[in-house]
C-alpha cells in the first residue's frame, strides 16, 4: 500500500468518525482519561485566511523597511563618493594651475635669456654663432613640448 493510499484511507476514517461523533457520549467514554486527542479534517476558514494575509502584510512591511535602509545607505555612499570626487578635482585643478604658472615663469626667464644671448651674439665668431643657433633651436623645441603638454 502506498503512502498516498494510506493517507487517503485515514482521511476517510476521520471523516466518518467526525460525521458520527454526535452519536457517542464522549464524556462517558473518556471519563477517567487524562488526555484526549481529537482529529478533524482540515477546512479553510476566513479566520485562517486573515492570519495568512496578516503575515504577508507583516513581511511586506519588514521588506519595505529593509529596502528603505538600503536606499539610505546607498544614497549616503553616493554622496560620499561625489564629495570626494569634487575635492580631488579641485585639488587637481589647483595643481595644474601651479604647474602652468611655473612653466610660464620658466618660459619668461628663458626668453629673457635668449634676448641677452642675441645681444652677446654680435661679438661671436661664425662657429660660436652656429652652435648658439643649434642650442636656441633645441631650447625652442623643448618649450614647444612643454606648451603642448600643459595645454593638452
Foldseek 3Di string as FASTA:
>chain_A
DDPVVVVVVVLVVLAVCVVCVVVDDVCVVCVPPDDDDRDHDDDDDVVVVVVVVVVVVVVVVVVVVVVVVVVVVVVVVVVVVVVVVVVVVVVVVVVLVVVVVVLVVVVVVVVVVVVVVVVVCVPDDPVVVVVVVVVVVVVVVVNVVVVVVSVD
